[in-house]
């Protein structure tokens, strides 16, 4: 995702990026929270007063998943030259 058009939306060059109207959102947890707020009728998240545990798990899951993904890419890239 290093195309200039994509980098204009997300300078980090990471996936995912959501464009909704004039709003650009990056990072999976931020996109999920944005969608839950933008479309409350869809029931994507608990009511605001009950979101503590939802946010805790949403953001907790994001950290280890990215680390695992990056580690697997490094391992795969390093071992493919053998």
Foldseek 3Di string as FASTA:
>chain_A
DPPPVVCVLPVVPDDDWDDDPPDIDDDVLRVLVVVCVVCVVVVSAPPPVPCPVVSVVSVVVRVVVVVVVVVVVVVCVVVVVD
